């Protein structure tokens, strides 16, 4: 289980690096995450990394996730986005 979380965190870090590189080339990126990975991505210790990645992408697709997970992602992104816009 810890190995799976480490893999999710590693992939989010790679995504963040791609996002940083794409900001120089104006490419739009999308984030696609499944419910099992989303479980780890919205844990308190890595939630901020996930949110930075999600907010930087043009689209976020949560597949095979529960309605509660989708609601949490929406809530976190909207509450974080409001803080960034102030």
PDB file of N, CA and C in Angstrom:
ATOM      1  N   UNK A   1       0.822  -1.189   0.000  1.00  0.00           N
ATOM      2  CA  UNK A   1       0.000   0.000   0.000  1.00  0.00           C
ATOM      3  C   UNK A   1       0.867   1.253   0.000  1.00  0.00           C
ATOM      4  N   UNK A   2       1.923   1.238   0.779  1.00  0.00           N
ATOM      5  CA  UNK A   2       2.839   2.376   0.832  1.00  0.00           C
ATOM      6  C   UNK A   2       3.548   2.557  -0.509  1.00  0.00           C
ATOM      7  N   UNK A   3       3.836   1.428  -1.178  1.00  0.00           N
ATOM      8  CA  UNK A   3       4.492   1.505  -2.480  1.00  0.00           C
ATOM      9  C   UNK A   3       3.579   2.171  -3.504  1.00  0.00           C
ATOM     10  N   UNK A   4       2.280   1.881  -3.438  1.00  0.00           N
ATOM     11  CA  UNK A   4       1.327   2.497  -4.358  1.00  0.00           C
ATOM     12  C   UNK A   4       1.250   4.004  -4.123  1.00  0.00           C
ATOM     13  N   UNK A   5       1.223   4.408  -2.860  1.00  0.00           N
ATOM     14  CA  UNK A   5       1.182   5.851  -2.553  1.00  0.00           C
ATOM     15  C   UNK A   5       2.465   6.526  -3.048  1.00  0.00           C
ATOM     16  N   UNK A   6       3.598   5.866  -2.849  1.00  0.00           N
ATOM     17  CA  UNK A   6       4.867   6.429  -3.314  1.00  0.00           C
ATOM     18  C   UNK A   6       4.857   6.592  -4.837  1.00  0.00           C
ATOM     19  N   UNK A   7       4.260   5.637  -5.529  1.00  0.00           N
ATOM     20  CA  UNK A   7       4.153   5.725  -6.981  1.00  0.00           C
ATOM     21  C   UNK A   7       3.271   6.900  -7.400  1.00  0.00           C
ATOM     22  N   UNK A   8       2.161   7.096  -6.709  1.00  0.00           N
ATOM     23  CA  UNK A   8       1.261   8.218  -7.004  1.00  0.00           C
ATOM     24  C   UNK A   8       1.980   9.546  -6.774  1.00  0.00           C
ATOM     25  N   UNK A   9       2.694   9.657  -5.676  1.00  0.00           N
ATOM     26  CA  UNK A   9       3.430  10.884  -5.366  1.00  0.00           C
ATOM     27  C   UNK A   9       4.514  11.130  -6.422  1.00  0.00           C
ATOM     28  N   UNK A  10       5.197  10.068  -6.819  1.00  0.00           N
ATOM     29  CA  UNK A  10       6.232  10.190  -7.851  1.00  0.00           C
ATOM     30  C   UNK A  10       5.630  10.692  -9.163  1.00  0.00           C
ATOM     31  N   UNK A  11       4.491  10.129  -9.553  1.00  0.00           N
ATOM     32  CA  UNK A  11       3.845  10.554 -10.790  1.00  0.00           C
ATOM     33  C   UNK A  11       3.354  11.999 -10.706  1.00  0.00           C
ATOM     34  N   UNK A  12       2.886  12.407  -9.531  1.00  0.00           N
ATOM     35  CA  UNK A  12       2.460  13.808  -9.376  1.00  0.00           C
ATOM     36  C   UNK A  12       3.658  14.746  -9.489  1.00  0.00           C
ATOM     37  N   UNK A  13       4.793  14.345  -8.937  1.00  0.00           N
ATOM     38  CA  UNK A  13       6.005  15.163  -9.061  1.00  0.00           C
ATOM     39  C   UNK A  13       6.448  15.265 -10.510  1.00  0.00           C
ATOM     40  N   UNK A  14       6.357  14.157 -11.255  1.00  0.00           N
ATOM     41  CA  UNK A  14       6.687  14.199 -12.678  1.00  0.00           C
ATOM     42  C   UNK A  14       5.718  15.111 -13.433  1.00  0.00           C
ATOM     43  N   UNK A  15       4.439  15.035 -13.069  1.00  0.00           N
ATOM     44  CA  UNK A  15       3.440  15.903 -13.694  1.00  0.00           C
ATOM     45  C   UNK A  15       3.718  17.366 -13.414  1.00  0.00           C
ATOM     46  N   UNK A  16       4.127  17.658 -12.197  1.00  0.00           N
ATOM     47  CA  UNK A  16       4.450  19.039 -11.821  1.00  0.00           C
ATOM     48  C   UNK A  16       5.628  19.547 -12.642  1.00  0.00           C
ATOM     49  N   UNK A  17       6.619  18.676 -12.867  1.00  0.00           N
ATOM     50  CA  UNK A  17       7.769  19.059 -13.685  1.00  0.00           C
ATOM     51  C   UNK A  17       7.338  19.314 -15.135  1.00  0.00           C
ATOM     52  N   UNK A  18       6.456  18.461 -15.658  1.00  0.00           N
ATOM     53  CA  UNK A  18       5.933  18.676 -17.014  1.00  0.00           C
ATOM     54  C   UNK A  18       5.150  19.975 -17.093  1.00  0.00           C
ATOM     55  N   UNK A  19       4.395  20.255 -16.063  1.00  0.00           N
ATOM     56  CA  UNK A  19       3.605  21.482 -16.019  1.00  0.00           C
ATOM     57  C   UNK A  19       4.512  22.705 -16.043  1.00  0.00           C
ATOM     58  N   UNK A  20       5.586  22.653 -15.289  1.00  0.00           N
ATOM     59  CA  UNK A  20       6.548  23.754 -15.266  1.00  0.00           C
ATOM     60  C   UNK A  20       7.193  23.922 -16.635  1.00  0.00           C
ATOM     61  N   UNK A  21       7.559  22.813 -17.270  1.00  0.00           N
ATOM     62  CA  UNK A  21       8.178  22.883 -18.597  1.00  0.00           C
ATOM     63  C   UNK A  21       7.183  23.373 -19.647  1.00  0.00           C
ATOM     64  N   UNK A  22       5.927  22.973 -19.520  1.00  0.00           N
ATOM     65  CA  UNK A  22       4.938  23.367 -20.528  1.00  0.00           C
ATOM     66  C   UNK A  22       4.546  24.830 -20.408  1.00  0.00           C
ATOM     67  N   UNK A  23       4.755  25.436 -19.243  1.00  0.00           N
ATOM     68  CA  UNK A  23       4.412  26.850 -19.094  1.00  0.00           C
ATOM     69  C   UNK A  23       5.312  27.718 -19.973  1.00  0.00           C
ATOM     70  N   UNK A  24       6.467  27.198 -20.311  1.00  0.00           N
ATOM     71  CA  UNK A  24       7.380  27.925 -21.184  1.00  0.00           C
ATOM     72  C   UNK A  24       7.001  27.756 -22.656  1.00  0.00           C
ATOM     73  N   UNK A  25       6.244  26.691 -22.990  1.00  0.00           N
ATOM     74  CA  UNK A  25       5.886  26.424 -24.384  1.00  0.00           C
ATOM     75  C   UNK A  25       4.394  26.614 -24.646  1.00  0.00           C
ATOM     76  N   UNK A  26       3.650  27.022 -23.663  1.00  0.00           N
ATOM     77  CA  UNK A  26       2.211  27.276 -23.720  1.00  0.00           C
ATOM     78  C   UNK A  26       1.388  26.061 -24.146  1.00  0.00           C
ATOM     79  N   UNK A  27       1.823  24.868 -23.757  1.00  0.00           N
ATOM     80  CA  UNK A  27       1.041  23.659 -23.993  1.00  0.00           C
ATOM     81  C   UNK A  27      -0.001  23.523 -22.894  1.00  0.00           C
ATOM     82  N   UNK A  28      -1.187  23.067 -23.258  1.00  0.00           N
ATOM     83  CA  UNK A  28      -2.222  22.791 -22.267  1.00  0.00           C
ATOM     84  C   UNK A  28      -2.133  21.325 -21.878  1.00  0.00           C
ATOM     85  N   UNK A  29      -2.131  21.057 -20.585  1.00  0.00           N
ATOM     86  CA  UNK A  29      -2.040  19.684 -20.091  1.00  0.00           C
ATOM     87  C   UNK A  29      -3.322  19.296 -19.370  1.00  0.00           C
ATOM     88  N   UNK A  30      -3.595  18.005 -19.365  1.00  0.00           N
ATOM     89  CA  UNK A  30      -4.749  17.470 -18.645  1.00  0.00           C
ATOM     90  C   UNK A  30      -4.254  16.460 -17.611  1.00  0.00           C
ATOM     91  N   UNK A  31      -4.965  16.373 -16.521  1.00  0.00           N
ATOM     92  CA  UNK A  31      -4.665  15.405 -15.463  1.00  0.00           C
ATOM     93  C   UNK A  31      -5.782  14.374 -15.451  1.00  0.00           C
ATOM     94  N   UNK A  32      -5.416  13.100 -15.592  1.00  0.00           N
ATOM     95  CA  UNK A  32      -6.387  12.010 -15.532  1.00  0.00           C
ATOM     96  C   UNK A  32      -5.974  11.116 -14.373  1.00  0.00           C
ATOM     97  N   UNK A  33      -6.894  10.918 -13.435  1.00  0.00           N
ATOM     98  CA  UNK A  33      -6.582  10.148 -12.236  1.00  0.00           C
ATOM     99  C   UNK A  33      -7.751   9.224 -11.905  1.00  0.00           C
ATOM    100  N   UNK A  34      -7.432   8.010 -11.484  1.00  0.00           N
ATOM    101  CA  UNK A  34      -8.485   7.066 -11.117  1.00  0.00           C
ATOM    102  C   UNK A  34      -8.769   7.145  -9.624  1.00  0.00           C
ATOM    103  N   UNK A  35      -9.861   6.513  -9.228  1.00  0.00           N
ATOM    104  CA  UNK A  35     -10.309   6.600  -7.845  1.00  0.00           C
ATOM    105  C   UNK A  35      -9.314   6.076  -6.830  1.00  0.00           C
ATOM    106  N   UNK A  36      -8.635   4.976  -7.163  1.00  0.00           N
ATOM    107  CA  UNK A  36      -7.669   4.400  -6.222  1.00  0.00           C
ATOM    108  C   UNK A  36      -6.497   5.358  -5.999  1.00  0.00           C
ATOM    109  N   UNK A  37      -5.993   5.934  -7.089  1.00  0.00           N
ATOM    110  CA  UNK A  37      -4.889   6.893  -6.970  1.00  0.00           C
ATOM    111  C   UNK A  37      -5.353   8.175  -6.294  1.00  0.00           C
ATOM    112  N   UNK A  38      -6.579   8.566  -6.573  1.00  0.00           N
ATOM    113  CA  UNK A  38      -7.135   9.774  -5.976  1.00  0.00           C
ATOM    114  C   UNK A  38      -7.218   9.655  -4.452  1.00  0.00           C
ATOM    115  N   UNK A  39      -7.470   8.443  -3.977  1.00  0.00           N
ATOM    116  CA  UNK A  39      -7.500   8.201  -2.531  1.00  0.00           C
ATOM    117  C   UNK A  39      -6.205   8.669  -1.880  1.00  0.00           C
ATOM    118  N   UNK A  40      -5.077   8.353  -2.522  1.00  0.00           N
ATOM    119  CA  UNK A  40      -3.776   8.758  -1.975  1.00  0.00           C
ATOM    120  C   UNK A  40      -3.482  10.226  -2.251  1.00  0.00           C
ATOM    121  N   UNK A  41      -3.906  10.719  -3.395  1.00  0.00           N
ATOM    122  CA  UNK A  41      -3.588  12.093  -3.789  1.00  0.00           C
ATOM    123  C   UNK A  41      -4.267  13.133  -2.920  1.00  0.00           C
ATOM    124  N   UNK A  42      -5.408  12.803  -2.308  1.00  0.00           N
ATOM    125  CA  UNK A  42      -6.101  13.796  -1.487  1.00  0.00           C
ATOM    126  C   UNK A  42      -5.878  13.586   0.011  1.00  0.00           C
ATOM    127  N   UNK A  43      -4.896  12.731   0.346  1.00  0.00           N
ATOM    128  CA  UNK A  43      -4.510  12.622   1.752  1.00  0.00           C
ATOM    129  C   UNK A  43      -3.810  13.913   2.169  1.00  0.00           C
ATOM    130  N   UNK A  44      -3.919  14.238   3.427  1.00  0.00           N
ATOM    131  CA  UNK A  44      -3.425  15.530   3.919  1.00  0.00           C
ATOM    132  C   UNK A  44      -1.962  15.818   3.589  1.00  0.00           C
ATOM    133  N   UNK A  45      -1.101  14.795   3.634  1.00  0.00           N
ATOM    134  CA  UNK A  45       0.321  15.057   3.445  1.00  0.00           C
ATOM    135  C   UNK A  45       0.720  15.317   1.987  1.00  0.00           C
ATOM    136  N   UNK A  46      -0.124  14.963   1.015  1.00  0.00           N
ATOM    137  CA  UNK A  46       0.208  15.210  -0.398  1.00  0.00           C
ATOM    138  C   UNK A  46      -0.870  16.003  -1.136  1.00  0.00           C
ATOM    139  N   UNK A  47      -1.898  16.411  -0.422  1.00  0.00           N
ATOM    140  CA  UNK A  47      -3.020  17.117  -1.040  1.00  0.00           C
ATOM    141  C   UNK A  47      -2.577  18.396  -1.747  1.00  0.00           C
ATOM    142  N   UNK A  48      -1.676  19.147  -1.151  1.00  0.00           N
ATOM    143  CA  UNK A  48      -1.236  20.411  -1.755  1.00  0.00           C
ATOM    144  C   UNK A  48      -0.521  20.194  -3.085  1.00  0.00           C
ATOM    145  N   UNK A  49       0.275  19.140  -3.175  1.00  0.00           N
ATOM    146  CA  UNK A  49       0.942  18.815  -4.435  1.00  0.00           C
ATOM    147  C   UNK A  49      -0.092  18.493  -5.503  1.00  0.00           C
ATOM    148  N   UNK A  50      -1.095  17.698  -5.144  1.00  0.00           N
ATOM    149  CA  UNK A  50      -2.158  17.354  -6.084  1.00  0.00           C
ATOM    150  C   UNK A  50      -2.903  18.609  -6.535  1.00  0.00           C
ATOM    151  N   UNK A  51      -3.201  19.492  -5.606  1.00  0.00           N
ATOM    152  CA  UNK A  51      -3.947  20.706  -5.948  1.00  0.00           C
ATOM    153  C   UNK A  51      -3.146  21.634  -6.851  1.00  0.00           C
ATOM    154  N   UNK A  52      -1.866  21.779  -6.593  1.00  0.00           N
ATOM    155  CA  UNK A  52      -1.021  22.609  -7.466  1.00  0.00           C
ATOM    156  C   UNK A  52      -1.021  22.044  -8.876  1.00  0.00           C
ATOM    157  N   UNK A  53      -0.925  20.723  -8.976  1.00  0.00           N
ATOM    158  CA  UNK A  53      -0.934  20.074 -10.282  1.00  0.00           C
ATOM    159  C   UNK A  53      -2.290  20.243 -10.957  1.00  0.00           C
ATOM    160  N   UNK A  54      -3.358  20.010 -10.217  1.00  0.00           N
ATOM    161  CA  UNK A  54      -4.708  20.097 -10.782  1.00  0.00           C
ATOM    162  C   UNK A  54      -5.030  21.514 -11.248  1.00  0.00           C
ATOM    163  N   UNK A  55      -4.689  22.498 -10.463  1.00  0.00           N
ATOM    164  CA  UNK A  55      -4.991  23.892 -10.811  1.00  0.00           C
ATOM    165  C   UNK A  55      -4.180  24.342 -12.023  1.00  0.00           C
ATOM    166  N   UNK A  56      -2.992  23.788 -12.187  1.00  0.00           N
ATOM    167  CA  UNK A  56      -2.162  24.160 -13.321  1.00  0.00           C
ATOM    168  C   UNK A  56      -2.576  23.521 -14.634  1.00  0.00           C
ATOM    169  N   UNK A  57      -3.399  22.494 -14.576  1.00  0.00           N
ATOM    170  CA  UNK A  57      -3.828  21.792 -15.792  1.00  0.00           C
ATOM    171  C   UNK A  57      -5.073  22.436 -16.389  1.00  0.00           C
ATOM    172  N   UNK A  58      -5.229  22.263 -17.689  1.00  0.00           N
ATOM    173  CA  UNK A  58      -6.402  22.792 -18.377  1.00  0.00           C
ATOM    174  C   UNK A  58      -7.644  21.973 -18.031  1.00  0.00           C
ATOM    175  N   UNK A  59      -7.479  20.670 -17.791  1.00  0.00           N
ATOM    176  CA  UNK A  59      -8.593  19.777 -17.462  1.00  0.00           C
ATOM    177  C   UNK A  59      -8.155  18.778 -16.404  1.00  0.00           C
ATOM    178  N   UNK A  60      -9.100  18.363 -15.589  1.00  0.00           N
ATOM    179  CA  UNK A  60      -8.870  17.293 -14.620  1.00  0.00           C
ATOM    180  C   UNK A  60      -9.998  16.290 -14.794  1.00  0.00           C
ATOM    181  N   UNK A  61      -9.643  15.042 -15.052  1.00  0.00           N
ATOM    182  CA  UNK A  61     -10.628  13.979 -15.224  1.00  0.00           C
ATOM    183  C   UNK A  61     -10.425  12.956 -14.121  1.00  0.00           C
ATOM    184  N   UNK A  62     -11.462  12.762 -13.313  1.00  0.00           N
ATOM    185  CA  UNK A  62     -11.436  11.771 -12.247  1.00  0.00           C
ATOM    186  C   UNK A  62     -12.292  10.591 -12.698  1.00  0.00           C
ATOM    187  N   UNK A  63     -11.657   9.495 -13.079  1.00  0.00           N
ATOM    188  CA  UNK A  63     -12.416   8.345 -13.572  1.00  0.00           C
ATOM    189  C   UNK A  63     -12.434   7.238 -12.515  1.00  0.00           C
ATOM    190  N   UNK A  64     -13.494   6.469 -12.558  1.00  0.00           N
ATOM    191  CA  UNK A  64     -13.681   5.358 -11.627  1.00  0.00           C
ATOM    192  C   UNK A  64     -13.508   5.812 -10.177  1.00  0.00           C
ATOM    193  N   UNK A  65     -14.048   6.981  -9.880  1.00  0.00           N
ATOM    194  CA  UNK A  65     -13.992   7.524  -8.522  1.00  0.00           C
ATOM    195  C   UNK A  65     -15.411   7.700  -8.001  1.00  0.00           C
ATOM    196  N   UNK A  66     -15.502   7.785  -6.703  1.00  0.00           N
ATOM    197  CA  UNK A  66     -16.823   7.918  -6.086  1.00  0.00           C
ATOM    198  C   UNK A  66     -17.316   9.363  -6.203  1.00  0.00           C
ATOM    199  N   UNK A  67     -18.624   9.562  -6.094  1.00  0.00           N
ATOM    200  CA  UNK A  67     -19.148  10.934  -6.096  1.00  0.00           C
ATOM    201  C   UNK A  67     -18.537  11.782  -4.975  1.00  0.00           C
ATOM    202  N   UNK A  68     -18.267  11.153  -3.841  1.00  0.00           N
ATOM    203  CA  UNK A  68     -17.665  11.894  -2.726  1.00  0.00           C
ATOM    204  C   UNK A  68     -16.252  12.363  -3.087  1.00  0.00           C
ATOM    205  N   UNK A  69     -15.477  11.508  -3.758  1.00  0.00           N
ATOM    206  CA  UNK A  69     -14.135  11.913  -4.170  1.00  0.00           C
ATOM    207  C   UNK A  69     -14.197  13.072  -5.157  1.00  0.00           C
ATOM    208  N   UNK A  70     -15.098  12.992  -6.119  1.00  0.00           N
ATOM    209  CA  UNK A  70     -15.237  14.078  -7.097  1.00  0.00           C
ATOM    210  C   UNK A  70     -15.657  15.376  -6.410  1.00  0.00           C
ATOM    211  N   UNK A  71     -16.549  15.263  -5.443  1.00  0.00           N
ATOM    212  CA  UNK A  71     -16.981  16.453  -4.699  1.00  0.00           C
ATOM    213  C   UNK A  71     -15.824  17.053  -3.907  1.00  0.00           C
ATOM    214  N   UNK A  72     -15.005  16.196  -3.298  1.00  0.00           N
ATOM    215  CA  UNK A  72     -13.848  16.691  -2.542  1.00  0.00           C
ATOM    216  C   UNK A  72     -12.857  17.411  -3.455  1.00  0.00           C
ATOM    217  N   UNK A  73     -12.601  16.843  -4.621  1.00  0.00           N
ATOM    218  CA  UNK A  73     -11.679  17.487  -5.563  1.00  0.00           C
ATOM    219  C   UNK A  73     -12.229  18.847  -5.971  1.00  0.00           C
ATOM    220  N   UNK A  74     -13.500  18.898  -6.297  1.00  0.00           N
ATOM    221  CA  UNK A  74     -14.119  20.176  -6.670  1.00  0.00           C
ATOM    222  C   UNK A  74     -14.019  21.184  -5.534  1.00  0.00           C
ATOM    223  N   UNK A  75     -14.332  20.740  -4.327  1.00  0.00           N
ATOM    224  CA  UNK A  75     -14.275  21.622  -3.166  1.00  0.00           C
ATOM    225  C   UNK A  75     -12.853  22.137  -2.938  1.00  0.00           C
ATOM    226  N   UNK A  76     -11.866  21.236  -2.970  1.00  0.00           N
ATOM    227  CA  UNK A  76     -10.481  21.638  -2.730  1.00  0.00           C
ATOM    228  C   UNK A  76      -9.996  22.609  -3.801  1.00  0.00           C
ATOM    229  N   UNK A  77     -10.304  22.317  -5.063  1.00  0.00           N
ATOM    230  CA  UNK A  77      -9.846  23.187  -6.147  1.00  0.00           C
ATOM    231  C   UNK A  77     -10.505  24.560  -6.052  1.00  0.00           C
ATOM    232  N   UNK A  78     -11.819  24.580  -5.833  1.00  0.00           N
ATOM    233  CA  UNK A  78     -12.512  25.871  -5.739  1.00  0.00           C
ATOM    234  C   UNK A  78     -12.034  26.683  -4.547  1.00  0.00           C
ATOM    235  N   UNK A  79     -11.858  26.052  -3.389  1.00  0.00           N
ATOM    236  CA  UNK A  79     -11.410  26.802  -2.215  1.00  0.00           C
ATOM    237  C   UNK A  79      -9.968  27.265  -2.381  1.00  0.00           C
ATOM    238  N   UNK A  80      -9.125  26.476  -3.024  1.00  0.00           N
ATOM    239  CA  UNK A  80      -7.740  26.871  -3.265  1.00  0.00           C
ATOM    240  C   UNK A  80      -7.677  27.956  -4.317  1.00  0.00           C
ATOM    241  N   UNK A  81      -8.475  27.829  -5.381  1.00  0.00           N
ATOM    242  CA  UNK A  81      -8.468  28.813  -6.454  1.00  0.00           C
ATOM    243  C   UNK A  81      -8.905  30.179  -5.939  1.00  0.00           C
ATOM    244  N   UNK A  82      -9.881  30.198  -5.051  1.00  0.00           N
ATOM    245  CA  UNK A  82     -10.334  31.466  -4.473  1.00  0.00           C
ATOM    246  C   UNK A  82      -9.197  32.109  -3.694  1.00  0.00           C
ATOM    247  N   UNK A  83      -8.426  31.303  -2.963  1.00  0.00           N
ATOM    248  CA  UNK A  83      -7.289  31.857  -2.215  1.00  0.00           C
ATOM    249  C   UNK A  83      -6.227  32.409  -3.158  1.00  0.00           C
ATOM    250  N   UNK A  84      -5.970  31.711  -4.303  1.00  0.00           N
ATOM    251  CA  UNK A  84      -4.979  32.196  -5.253  1.00  0.00           C
ATOM    252  C   UNK A  84      -5.444  33.467  -5.934  1.00  0.00           C
ATOM    253  N   UNK A  85      -6.759  33.619  -6.159  1.00  0.00           N
ATOM    254  CA  UNK A  85      -7.227  34.797  -6.881  1.00  0.00           C
ATOM    255  C   UNK A  85      -7.302  36.031  -6.012  1.00  0.00           C
ATOM    256  N   UNK A  86      -7.311  35.865  -4.703  1.00  0.00           N
ATOM    257  CA  UNK A  86      -7.382  37.033  -3.833  1.00  0.00           C
ATOM    258  C   UNK A  86      -6.026  37.657  -3.807  1.00  0.00           C
TER     259      UNK A  86
END
